Protein backbone atom coordinates (compact mmCIF):
# COMPACT_ATOMS: atom_id res chain seq x y z
CA MET A 1 215.58 189.90 50.39
CA THR A 2 212.99 187.09 50.13
CA LEU A 3 213.63 184.20 52.50
CA SER A 4 213.06 180.68 51.26
CA GLY A 5 210.32 178.51 52.67
CA LEU A 6 212.91 176.47 54.58
CA ASP A 7 214.43 179.60 56.14
CA ILE A 8 211.01 180.87 57.20
CA THR A 9 210.16 177.48 58.71
CA ILE A 10 213.37 177.41 60.78
CA LEU A 11 212.76 180.95 61.99
CA PHE A 12 209.14 180.16 62.85
CA ILE A 13 210.15 177.09 64.87
CA TYR A 14 212.76 179.08 66.80
CA LEU A 15 210.57 182.09 67.55
CA SER A 16 207.55 179.94 68.43
CA GLY A 17 209.73 177.92 70.78
CA MET A 18 210.85 181.04 72.65
CA VAL A 19 207.28 182.29 73.10
CA ALA A 20 206.10 178.82 74.12
CA MET A 21 208.75 178.68 76.85
CA GLY A 22 207.63 182.07 78.16
CA ILE A 23 204.02 180.90 78.29
CA PHE A 24 205.01 177.58 79.90
CA PHE A 25 207.05 179.16 82.66
CA SER A 26 204.44 181.84 83.30
CA GLY A 27 202.30 179.11 84.82
CA ARG A 28 205.03 178.33 87.36
CA ASN A 29 205.47 181.91 88.50
CA LYS A 30 203.18 182.02 91.52
CA SER A 31 205.57 184.07 93.67
CA THR A 32 208.30 186.69 93.35
CA GLU A 33 210.79 184.10 94.68
CA GLN A 34 210.09 181.95 91.62
CA TYR A 35 209.91 184.90 89.21
CA PHE A 36 213.20 186.43 90.37
CA VAL A 37 215.44 183.47 91.40
CA GLY A 38 213.69 180.33 90.14
CA GLY A 39 213.15 178.93 93.63
CA ARG A 40 216.96 178.74 94.09
CA SER A 41 216.90 175.27 92.51
CA TYR A 42 219.31 175.30 89.55
CA ASN A 43 222.56 173.40 89.09
CA GLY A 44 225.78 175.10 88.02
CA TRP A 45 225.97 173.83 84.43
CA ILE A 46 222.60 175.24 83.47
CA VAL A 47 223.18 178.58 85.19
CA GLY A 48 226.71 178.82 83.77
CA LEU A 49 225.49 178.34 80.21
CA SER A 50 222.79 180.94 80.79
CA MET A 51 225.50 183.34 82.02
CA VAL A 52 227.37 182.73 78.78
CA GLY A 53 224.23 183.58 76.84
CA THR A 54 223.67 186.74 78.84
CA SER A 55 227.23 187.97 78.27
CA ILE A 56 227.65 187.19 74.57
CA SER A 57 224.57 189.05 73.28
CA SER A 58 224.40 190.72 69.87
CA ILE A 59 227.40 192.76 70.96
CA THR A 60 229.21 189.46 70.38
CA PHE A 61 227.33 188.38 67.27
CA LEU A 62 227.33 191.76 65.50
CA ALA A 63 229.64 194.23 67.27
CA TYR A 64 232.65 191.96 67.74
CA PRO A 65 232.69 190.90 64.06
CA ALA A 66 232.24 194.58 63.14
CA ASP A 67 235.28 195.48 65.25
CA GLY A 68 237.36 192.64 63.77
CA PHE A 69 236.25 193.64 60.29
CA LYS A 70 236.83 197.40 60.53
CA THR A 71 239.62 197.63 63.11
CA ALA A 72 241.70 194.91 64.81
CA TRP A 73 241.80 192.99 68.10
CA LEU A 74 242.50 195.76 70.61
CA ARG A 75 239.09 195.61 72.26
CA TYR A 76 239.43 191.86 72.76
CA LEU A 77 242.33 192.34 75.17
CA PRO A 78 240.19 193.13 78.26
CA ASN A 79 238.49 189.74 77.92
CA LEU A 80 241.74 187.91 78.64
CA MET A 81 241.45 189.05 82.25
CA MET A 82 238.08 187.37 82.75
CA PRO A 83 239.42 184.01 84.10
CA LEU A 84 241.53 185.76 86.75
CA ALA A 85 238.57 187.91 87.81
CA VAL A 86 236.17 184.95 87.93
CA VAL A 87 238.44 182.83 90.14
CA PHE A 88 239.04 185.78 92.46
CA ALA A 89 235.32 186.56 92.65
CA ALA A 90 234.41 182.92 93.30
CA TYR A 91 236.36 182.88 96.55
CA PHE A 92 236.30 186.50 97.73
CA PHE A 93 233.00 187.97 96.44
CA LEU A 94 230.57 185.05 96.16
CA PRO A 95 230.32 184.33 99.92
CA PHE A 96 228.96 187.84 100.56
CA PHE A 97 225.95 187.01 98.38
CA LYS A 98 225.41 183.27 98.62
CA LYS A 99 225.71 182.80 102.38
CA THR A 100 222.89 185.24 103.05
CA ASN A 101 220.51 184.05 100.28
CA ILE A 102 220.17 187.48 98.75
CA THR A 103 217.96 188.26 95.76
CA SER A 104 219.61 191.54 94.81
CA ALA A 105 223.28 192.56 94.77
CA TYR A 106 222.32 195.79 96.49
CA GLU A 107 221.07 194.19 99.70
CA TYR A 108 224.73 194.05 100.71
CA LEU A 109 225.06 197.81 100.34
CA GLU A 110 222.22 198.43 102.78
CA THR A 111 223.62 196.03 105.34
CA ARG A 112 227.05 197.62 105.02
CA PHE A 113 226.24 201.32 104.55
CA GLY A 114 222.51 201.89 104.96
CA PRO A 115 219.35 202.07 102.79
CA SER A 116 220.25 205.26 100.92
CA VAL A 117 223.41 203.67 99.47
CA ARG A 118 221.38 200.63 98.41
CA ILE A 119 219.09 202.91 96.43
CA TYR A 120 222.10 204.49 94.72
CA GLY A 121 223.42 201.10 93.66
CA ALA A 122 220.02 199.99 92.38
CA VAL A 123 219.39 203.15 90.38
CA THR A 124 222.90 203.08 88.88
CA PHE A 125 222.37 199.49 87.76
CA ILE A 126 219.00 200.25 86.18
CA VAL A 127 220.41 203.20 84.21
CA ALA A 128 223.39 201.17 82.96
CA GLN A 129 221.18 198.25 81.93
CA LEU A 130 218.72 200.46 80.07
CA LEU A 131 221.67 201.83 78.12
CA ARG A 132 222.96 198.33 77.40
CA ILE A 133 219.67 196.85 76.20
CA SER A 134 219.03 199.89 73.99
CA ILE A 135 222.31 199.23 72.18
CA ILE A 136 221.61 195.51 71.88
CA LEU A 137 218.10 196.07 70.52
CA TYR A 138 219.50 198.55 68.01
CA LEU A 139 221.95 195.89 66.78
CA LEU A 140 219.09 193.41 66.53
CA SER A 141 217.10 195.91 64.47
CA LEU A 142 219.94 196.09 61.92
CA LEU A 143 219.56 192.39 61.28
CA ILE A 144 215.76 192.53 61.10
CA HIS A 145 216.09 195.44 58.66
CA GLU A 146 218.45 193.46 56.41
CA ILE A 147 216.26 190.34 56.54
CA THR A 148 212.81 191.77 56.05
CA GLY A 149 213.32 195.13 54.37
CA LEU A 150 211.42 196.82 57.20
CA ASN A 151 212.78 200.27 57.93
CA GLU A 152 214.97 200.52 61.02
CA LEU A 153 212.24 202.08 63.16
CA TRP A 154 209.77 199.25 62.62
CA SER A 155 212.60 196.75 63.04
CA VAL A 156 213.23 198.16 66.52
CA PHE A 157 209.53 197.89 67.40
CA ALA A 158 209.27 194.30 66.17
CA GLY A 159 212.39 193.05 67.96
CA GLY A 160 211.56 194.81 71.22
CA ALA A 161 207.97 193.58 71.32
CA PHE A 162 208.91 189.95 70.76
CA VAL A 163 211.57 189.80 73.49
CA ALA A 164 209.33 191.64 75.95
CA VAL A 165 206.52 189.10 75.55
CA TYR A 166 208.32 185.96 76.65
CA THR A 167 210.48 187.75 79.25
CA VAL A 168 207.60 189.50 81.00
CA LEU A 169 205.60 186.27 81.03
CA GLY A 170 208.25 183.74 81.96
CA GLY A 171 210.47 185.43 84.55
CA ILE A 172 213.92 184.08 85.44
CA ASP A 173 212.97 180.48 84.51
CA ALA A 174 212.28 181.51 80.93
CA VAL A 175 215.42 183.66 80.92
CA ILE A 176 217.71 180.84 82.06
CA TRP A 177 216.35 178.11 79.79
CA THR A 178 216.00 180.26 76.69
CA ASP A 179 219.53 181.55 77.30
CA VAL A 180 220.87 177.98 77.34
CA ILE A 181 219.17 177.18 74.03
CA GLN A 182 220.25 180.50 72.53
CA THR A 183 223.88 179.93 73.57
CA VAL A 184 224.00 176.59 71.73
CA ILE A 185 222.37 178.09 68.61
CA LEU A 186 224.73 181.06 68.66
CA MET A 187 227.89 178.94 68.85
CA PHE A 188 226.65 176.61 66.11
CA GLY A 189 225.73 179.55 63.86
CA GLY A 190 229.17 181.12 64.16
CA VAL A 191 230.91 177.87 63.27
CA ILE A 192 228.80 177.57 60.12
CA CYS A 193 229.67 181.13 59.03
CA ILE A 194 233.43 180.72 59.44
CA SER A 195 233.34 177.31 57.74
CA ILE A 196 231.61 178.75 54.68
CA ILE A 197 234.09 181.65 54.46
CA ILE A 198 237.09 179.32 54.61
CA ASN A 199 235.53 176.98 52.07
CA GLN A 200 234.86 179.83 49.58
CA LEU A 201 238.29 181.46 49.83
CA PRO A 202 240.52 180.10 47.03
CA GLY A 203 243.42 179.62 49.44
CA GLY A 204 241.30 178.51 52.37
CA LEU A 205 242.52 179.07 55.93
CA THR A 206 246.08 179.79 54.75
CA GLN A 207 244.90 182.69 52.59
CA LEU A 208 242.78 184.00 55.45
CA PHE A 209 245.82 184.32 57.73
CA GLU A 210 248.07 185.68 54.97
CA VAL A 211 245.72 188.52 54.03
CA ALA A 212 244.86 189.28 57.65
CA LEU A 213 248.52 189.51 58.69
CA ALA A 214 249.42 191.62 55.66
CA ASN A 215 246.74 194.13 56.64
CA ASN A 216 247.60 194.19 60.37
CA LYS A 217 244.16 192.76 61.21
CA LEU A 218 245.31 190.30 63.87
CA SER A 219 247.21 192.89 65.88
CA PHE A 220 246.27 194.93 68.92
CA SER A 221 245.81 198.13 66.95
CA GLU A 222 243.63 201.23 66.99
CA LEU A 223 242.06 202.84 63.93
CA GLU A 224 243.51 206.35 63.53
CA ASN A 225 242.77 208.50 60.47
CA GLY A 226 241.74 205.46 58.46
CA ARG A 227 244.89 203.44 59.30
CA LEU A 228 245.53 200.75 61.90
CA GLN A 229 248.23 201.79 64.36
CA LYS A 230 249.64 199.27 66.84
CA VAL A 231 249.22 200.45 70.41
CA PRO A 232 252.17 200.58 72.84
CA TRP A 233 252.21 198.42 75.99
CA GLY A 234 253.19 200.90 78.70
CA PHE A 235 251.17 202.80 81.27
CA SER A 236 249.16 205.74 79.93
CA LEU A 237 245.96 207.62 80.67
CA THR A 238 245.97 209.68 77.49
CA ASN A 239 246.17 206.82 74.97
CA LYS A 240 245.04 203.25 74.72
CA THR A 241 247.84 200.79 75.48
CA GLY A 242 247.93 197.03 75.79
CA LEU A 243 248.66 197.19 79.52
CA MET A 244 245.84 199.64 80.20
CA MET A 245 243.34 197.53 78.25
CA LEU A 246 244.26 194.57 80.47
CA VAL A 247 243.85 196.71 83.58
CA LEU A 248 240.46 197.88 82.31
CA GLY A 249 239.51 194.27 81.67
CA LEU A 250 240.39 193.18 85.18
CA SER A 251 238.42 196.09 86.63
CA HIS A 252 235.44 195.38 84.38
CA TRP A 253 235.23 191.65 85.10
CA LEU A 254 235.69 192.09 88.83
CA GLN A 255 232.84 194.56 88.67
CA GLU A 256 230.69 192.16 86.65
CA TYR A 257 231.20 189.20 89.00
CA GLY A 258 231.17 191.22 92.20
CA THR A 259 228.44 193.83 91.64
CA ASN A 260 226.34 193.17 88.52
CA GLN A 261 222.78 192.08 89.28
CA ASN A 262 222.63 190.01 86.08
CA VAL A 263 225.37 187.83 87.54
CA ILE A 264 224.46 188.02 91.24
CA GLN A 265 220.90 186.96 90.41
CA ARG A 266 222.33 183.82 88.79
CA TYR A 267 224.26 183.08 91.99
CA ALA A 268 220.97 183.36 93.85
CA ALA A 269 219.26 180.91 91.48
CA THR A 270 221.74 178.08 92.19
CA LYS A 271 221.22 175.39 94.81
CA ASN A 272 224.30 176.13 96.89
CA MET A 273 227.78 177.69 96.96
CA ALA A 274 229.43 174.81 95.08
CA GLU A 275 226.93 175.01 92.23
CA ALA A 276 227.36 178.79 92.05
CA ARG A 277 231.15 178.37 91.69
CA LYS A 278 230.60 175.75 89.02
CA ALA A 279 228.39 178.22 87.13
CA MET A 280 231.13 180.84 87.33
CA LEU A 281 233.70 178.45 85.87
CA VAL A 282 231.35 177.42 83.05
CA SER A 283 230.79 181.09 82.22
CA MET A 284 234.46 181.39 81.22
CA LEU A 285 233.48 179.74 77.92
CA ASN A 286 232.89 183.35 76.92
CA VAL A 287 236.61 183.94 76.42
CA PRO A 288 237.08 181.57 73.45
CA ILE A 289 233.65 182.48 72.09
CA TRP A 290 234.54 186.18 71.98
CA ALA A 291 237.86 185.32 70.30
CA PHE A 292 236.00 183.25 67.75
CA TYR A 293 233.67 186.12 66.84
CA MET A 294 236.54 188.60 66.61
CA PHE A 295 238.18 186.14 64.23
CA LEU A 296 234.94 185.91 62.27
CA GLY A 297 235.18 189.67 61.74
CA THR A 298 238.76 189.27 60.53
CA ALA A 299 237.61 186.50 58.19
CA LEU A 300 234.88 188.76 56.80
CA PHE A 301 237.49 191.43 56.05
CA VAL A 302 239.55 188.90 54.11
CA PHE A 303 236.47 187.53 52.34
CA PHE A 304 235.45 190.96 51.07
CA GLN A 305 239.00 191.74 50.04
CA VAL A 306 238.92 188.66 47.83
CA PHE A 307 235.28 189.14 46.77
CA PRO A 308 234.82 192.93 47.04
CA THR A 309 231.42 194.62 47.09
CA THR A 310 230.40 198.25 47.22
CA GLU A 311 228.53 197.68 50.46
CA ALA A 312 231.53 196.15 52.24
CA THR A 313 233.78 198.99 51.08
CA GLU A 314 231.31 201.52 52.45
CA MET A 315 231.31 199.71 55.80
CA LEU A 316 235.08 200.09 55.97
CA ASP A 317 235.13 203.78 55.04
CA GLY A 318 232.27 204.71 57.37
CA THR A 319 229.56 205.38 54.78
CA ARG A 320 227.68 202.43 56.25
CA LYS A 321 227.84 201.13 59.80
CA ALA A 322 230.32 198.30 60.33
CA GLU A 323 227.73 196.34 62.35
CA GLN A 324 225.94 195.60 59.07
CA VAL A 325 228.76 193.40 57.77
CA LEU A 326 227.66 190.07 59.26
CA PRO A 327 223.96 190.55 58.39
CA PHE A 328 225.04 191.47 54.84
CA PHE A 329 227.13 188.31 54.57
CA ILE A 330 224.32 186.17 55.99
CA ILE A 331 221.76 187.53 53.56
CA HIS A 332 223.86 187.46 50.40
CA HIS A 333 226.33 184.60 50.82
CA LEU A 334 224.64 181.77 52.71
CA PRO A 335 222.55 179.02 51.12
CA SER A 336 218.86 178.47 51.79
CA GLY A 337 218.17 176.78 55.11
CA VAL A 338 221.53 177.81 56.52
CA THR A 339 220.40 181.45 56.30
CA GLY A 340 217.40 180.72 58.52
CA LEU A 341 219.60 178.96 61.07
CA ILE A 342 222.14 181.81 61.22
CA ILE A 343 219.41 184.42 61.47
CA SER A 344 218.03 182.42 64.40
CA ALA A 345 221.50 182.51 65.96
CA ALA A 346 221.68 186.28 65.54
CA LEU A 347 218.25 186.70 67.10
CA ALA A 348 219.32 184.38 69.91
CA ALA A 349 222.37 186.54 70.56
CA ALA A 350 220.27 189.60 71.17
CA MET A 351 217.49 187.91 73.07
CA SER A 352 219.82 186.13 75.50
CA SER A 353 220.97 189.48 76.86
CA LEU A 354 217.78 191.48 76.53
CA ASP A 355 215.70 189.02 78.52
CA SER A 356 218.28 188.80 81.32
CA SER A 357 218.60 192.54 81.70
CA ILE A 358 214.86 193.19 81.57
CA ASN A 359 214.25 190.58 84.28
CA ALA A 360 217.11 191.98 86.39
CA ILE A 361 215.75 195.53 86.08
CA SER A 362 212.38 194.24 87.26
CA THR A 363 213.99 192.40 90.18
CA VAL A 364 215.94 195.44 91.35
CA GLY A 365 213.00 197.77 90.81
CA ILE A 366 210.75 195.66 93.03
CA HIS A 367 213.16 194.24 95.59
CA ASP A 368 215.37 197.27 96.21
CA ILE A 369 213.02 200.18 95.61
CA TYR A 370 209.30 199.43 95.35
CA ARG A 371 208.84 196.76 98.06
CA ARG A 372 211.59 198.20 100.26
CA HIS A 373 210.51 201.86 100.23
CA LEU A 374 207.35 202.64 98.23
CA ALA A 375 204.83 199.90 99.04
CA LYS A 376 205.73 197.93 102.15
CA GLY A 377 203.71 195.02 103.47
CA ARG A 378 201.62 194.20 100.39
CA GLU A 379 200.71 190.67 99.32
CA ASP A 380 203.30 188.86 97.23
CA LYS A 381 200.88 188.67 94.30
CA HIS A 382 200.85 192.47 94.16
CA TYR A 383 204.65 192.57 93.88
CA LEU A 384 204.58 189.87 91.20
CA ASN A 385 202.15 191.92 89.11
CA MET A 386 204.27 195.05 89.61
CA ALA A 387 207.36 193.09 88.58
CA ARG A 388 205.73 192.35 85.24
CA ALA A 389 204.70 196.00 84.92
CA ILE A 390 208.27 197.19 85.53
CA ALA A 391 209.58 194.67 82.98
CA THR A 392 207.11 196.08 80.47
CA ALA A 393 208.19 199.66 81.23
CA ALA A 394 211.86 198.70 80.81
CA SER A 395 211.02 197.20 77.42
CA LEU A 396 209.38 200.44 76.29
CA ILE A 397 212.39 202.51 77.39
CA MET A 398 214.67 200.03 75.60
CA VAL A 399 212.76 200.62 72.37
CA GLY A 400 213.05 204.40 72.80
CA GLY A 401 216.80 204.16 73.36
CA ALA A 402 217.29 202.02 70.26
CA VAL A 403 215.35 204.57 68.20
CA VAL A 404 217.76 207.29 69.38
CA LEU A 405 220.74 205.14 68.32
CA ILE A 406 219.40 204.88 64.78
CA GLU A 407 220.62 208.44 64.20
CA ALA A 408 223.86 208.11 66.18
CA LYS A 409 227.21 208.48 64.41
CA THR A 410 229.77 206.09 65.90
CA LYS A 411 233.06 204.41 65.04
CA THR A 412 231.71 200.99 66.05
CA LEU A 413 229.06 200.09 68.61
CA GLN A 414 231.60 198.14 70.64
CA ASP A 415 233.63 201.34 70.91
CA THR A 416 230.57 203.41 71.83
CA TYR A 417 229.37 200.91 74.43
CA THR A 418 232.76 200.86 76.15
CA ILE A 419 232.73 204.66 76.50
CA LEU A 420 229.09 205.07 77.56
CA LEU A 421 229.33 202.28 80.12
CA GLY A 422 232.11 204.25 81.77
CA PHE A 423 229.72 207.15 82.25
CA ALA A 424 226.86 205.01 83.55
CA ALA A 425 228.80 202.78 85.96
CA ALA A 426 231.70 204.93 87.19
CA GLY A 427 232.29 204.41 90.90
CA ILE A 428 230.05 201.44 91.69
CA PHE A 429 232.91 198.93 91.73
CA GLY A 430 234.95 201.24 93.95
CA LEU A 431 232.00 201.37 96.35
CA TYR A 432 231.89 197.58 96.68
CA MET A 433 235.67 197.37 97.06
CA PHE A 434 235.46 199.89 99.90
CA GLY A 435 232.85 197.67 101.53
CA PHE A 436 234.62 194.35 100.92
CA PHE A 437 238.21 195.30 101.67
CA THR A 438 238.11 197.91 104.45
CA THR A 439 236.64 197.86 107.92
CA LEU A 440 235.76 201.54 107.72
CA LYS A 441 232.09 202.40 107.90
CA ASN A 442 230.66 205.88 107.62
CA THR A 443 227.63 206.58 105.48
CA LEU A 444 228.43 210.28 105.24
CA ALA A 445 231.89 209.43 103.90
CA VAL A 446 230.34 207.13 101.31
CA TRP A 447 227.99 209.87 100.12
CA LEU A 448 230.84 212.36 99.91
CA ALA A 449 232.66 209.84 97.71
CA LEU A 450 229.55 209.24 95.61
CA GLY A 451 229.13 212.99 95.16
CA ALA A 452 232.73 213.31 94.03
CA THR A 453 232.28 210.42 91.60
CA PHE A 454 229.08 211.91 90.18
CA SER A 455 230.81 215.27 89.72
CA PHE A 456 233.68 213.53 87.96
CA SER A 457 231.32 211.70 85.58
CA LEU A 458 229.33 214.87 84.88
CA TRP A 459 232.52 216.76 84.06
CA VAL A 460 233.61 214.02 81.65
CA VAL A 461 230.22 213.99 79.90
CA LEU A 462 230.08 217.78 79.51
CA ALA A 463 233.72 218.16 78.51
CA SER A 464 233.63 215.31 75.99
CA GLY A 465 230.51 216.87 74.47
CA GLY A 466 232.27 220.18 73.95
CA LEU A 467 230.07 221.96 76.48
CA LEU A 468 232.94 223.23 78.64
CA PRO A 469 235.86 225.59 77.87
CA GLN A 470 239.04 224.07 76.46
CA TRP A 471 240.98 224.40 79.73
CA MET A 472 238.47 221.98 81.27
CA ALA A 473 238.99 219.35 78.56
CA VAL A 474 239.32 215.71 79.65
CA PRO A 475 243.05 214.87 79.87
CA PHE A 476 242.61 211.11 79.54
CA ASP A 477 241.17 208.66 77.02
CA LEU A 478 237.41 208.20 77.58
CA TYR A 479 237.93 204.45 77.89
CA TYR A 480 239.37 205.10 81.34
CA THR A 481 236.34 206.94 82.70
CA SER A 482 234.92 203.96 84.58
CA PHE A 483 238.29 202.80 85.92
CA LEU A 484 239.23 206.27 87.21
CA GLY A 485 235.77 206.66 88.71
CA HIS A 486 236.25 203.45 90.70
CA LEU A 487 239.66 204.56 91.97
CA GLY A 488 238.32 207.99 92.89
CA MET A 489 235.33 206.52 94.70
CA PHE A 490 237.53 204.22 96.79
CA ALA A 491 240.15 206.89 97.58
CA VAL A 492 237.62 209.56 98.61
CA ALA A 493 235.63 207.08 100.72
CA VAL A 494 238.72 205.92 102.60
CA THR A 495 240.01 209.45 103.14
CA ALA A 496 236.66 210.85 104.25
CA SER A 497 236.05 207.91 106.60
CA LEU A 498 239.40 208.36 108.30
CA LEU A 499 238.77 212.08 108.74
CA LEU A 500 235.28 211.50 110.12
CA ILE A 501 236.26 208.81 112.63
CA SER A 502 237.08 211.54 115.12
CA ARG A 503 233.42 212.56 115.16
CA GLY A 504 232.98 209.66 117.52
CA LYS A 505 230.07 207.74 116.07
CA ALA A 506 230.25 204.07 117.02
CA GLU A 507 231.08 201.66 114.24
CA LYS A 508 228.46 199.01 113.52
CA ASN A 509 229.18 195.29 113.80
CA LEU A 510 230.92 194.27 110.56
CA ALA A 511 230.81 190.51 111.12
CA GLY A 512 230.46 188.81 107.73
CA LEU A 513 230.56 192.10 105.82
CA THR A 514 234.27 192.38 104.87
CA VAL A 515 236.91 189.90 103.73
CA TRP A 516 238.61 190.45 107.11
CA THR A 517 235.50 189.67 109.13
CA GLN A 518 233.75 187.18 106.84
CA THR A 519 234.17 184.18 109.13
CA LYS A 520 233.11 186.00 112.29
CA LYS A 521 229.77 185.11 113.80
């Protein structure tokens, strides 16, 4: 495709603006405190909008429409539990982080269980985030490929290099402010897309709902053997059900707002507790935004039923990847000028998550590992330079991961991300819940639980890959890997702690470290 002069101008203004912000904020980053938490000076509205930008990502702009287009709304269900989780976290989790002016979520783990457990939390986060940003960059490369005609490999290189430049330079200040701008652009771009679809359909919005309902596209259904099958609502570990998707959602969002460095670092950047809670409430804008982009996918299905193309048919039958549907629509069905704006929105979607995760990886790498254990007592300037080096290294690994995904065969990327995240993060939420909600404390018990959780995750990975005999097959749906890992971690930690109490080691002072002792001095 050849972009018009107007489209190129809009894209140039957007991309130049992002780089300019990185350069501008690089001049303010004279310390790691500024680079990691922005001097703890932000109000809740700004931080909340940046949290929206971090969460929506290109998984929202490309993977959610792909899911709505190819399947139905089943994977939207977990998001309905976000408001409940946010309110709970605002009053039960936030004080653990905000009262002590932490920089990293994993400082709590050291205070509660010791330095070795802090390292585990930090390393687990870094691995999960490298996985996440690889998927997001891959999705971004699909769009760049459609726009420019570059092959997918060079599209990955181009997208990764651009995001790395302004993130490495600008630190958390650049991340927060570019995320705010990118959130606004993303929402505006989605509204334009859905408006054009409705306007071009002969029957407008009425036809959209009629065709969608006739094809079961607005239901909570799973794609099985090429057909959408509505899921039941009861309890099950072997199949996806509506109830279990809600349970998974509650677990996921409690984990996000109680343990995820991307979120905890935003708490740290706010002025005070009240502003942090305000940011958390603002971040719930994600729920309607995700619904909107799922609906955009449904609308794309209806559009290509009314105006069929070979490419859209191949995306439905699996010949092409479903994540290409929105880029295809943007390139072939939007007018000049609007195309440039929507492409900017798609780029914004990816960048708003990539920059946050890269900066968070750098923060954890320096604060929890390098400065804490590998290079103590250096000048702050040394740590600031190393922070930029770690951000650069994370960017390179991100590019490598996206290259691997080019050859991956998946149902949809949203489906793949849900499964892989379960492998990468199993147990970490259970670890925090053990710390927050019990007064037990035994580092050996925690490591026994972590060992059990790791063994569980390894078994799931090997068995799901067909590397173990049939009698060792996984007896549950892979979506439940993370949830079961959390439960197992908590149960083993509690049991082992109770058994080891008799060994007689004195318990440490838990004042301020559990919900039961939070107000103690």
